[in-house]
Amino acid sequence: MYIIVGLGNPGEEYARTRHNTGRMALDCISKSRKTDAKFIFPDTFMNKSGLVVAKVVKSKRAAQNLIVIHDDLDLPLSTLKISYGRGSGGHKGVESIIRALKTKEFIRIRIGIGKKGDVEKHILSKFKKPEMEILKKVFKRASGAVSTIINHGLECAMNEFN
């Protein structure tokens, strides 16, 4: 069974921020998917995500069926990239998961939020309405990517969505 985690920060003040892209994507995916996957919305702040994930993913072998969905500053808005077994790329939530699980051998679906000016200010800023319309399409693609990973495997999903 796959465990799918959407990274973000808890609380209404973060609900539509760029740093909550993973959490927003998982919310859309969980409402549209009928699967035996387990959906996890960490109730901790981003840099403590590993604490929650480690309670559910008990081994390095189990981590191979973990899908982490998160924002990525290095990808332009509207893009999605699937990766496996890579470093955190400076993402604090992913760093937390790698530390907690003692492995980087898990699947990531990275959703582009672009990079503008001050990084902290940018990631904590809210999406504008036109950007949310773009994201809805990306979330639909992310749902397709999750479905392909579960039903046809990671390699097939990477070939189709990267």
Foldseek 3Di string as FASTA:
>chain_A
DAEEEFAAEDDPLQCQFQFRLSVVLLVVLVVPDDDPYHYDYDHHHLLQLLVVVCVPQPAPVSQLRYEYEGEDQVDAALAKAKDAQDDPNPRNNLNNNCVSHVGRGHMYIYGYPYDDDDRVVRRRDGDDPVSVVSSVVVSVLVSVLVVCCVPPNDVVSRVPRD
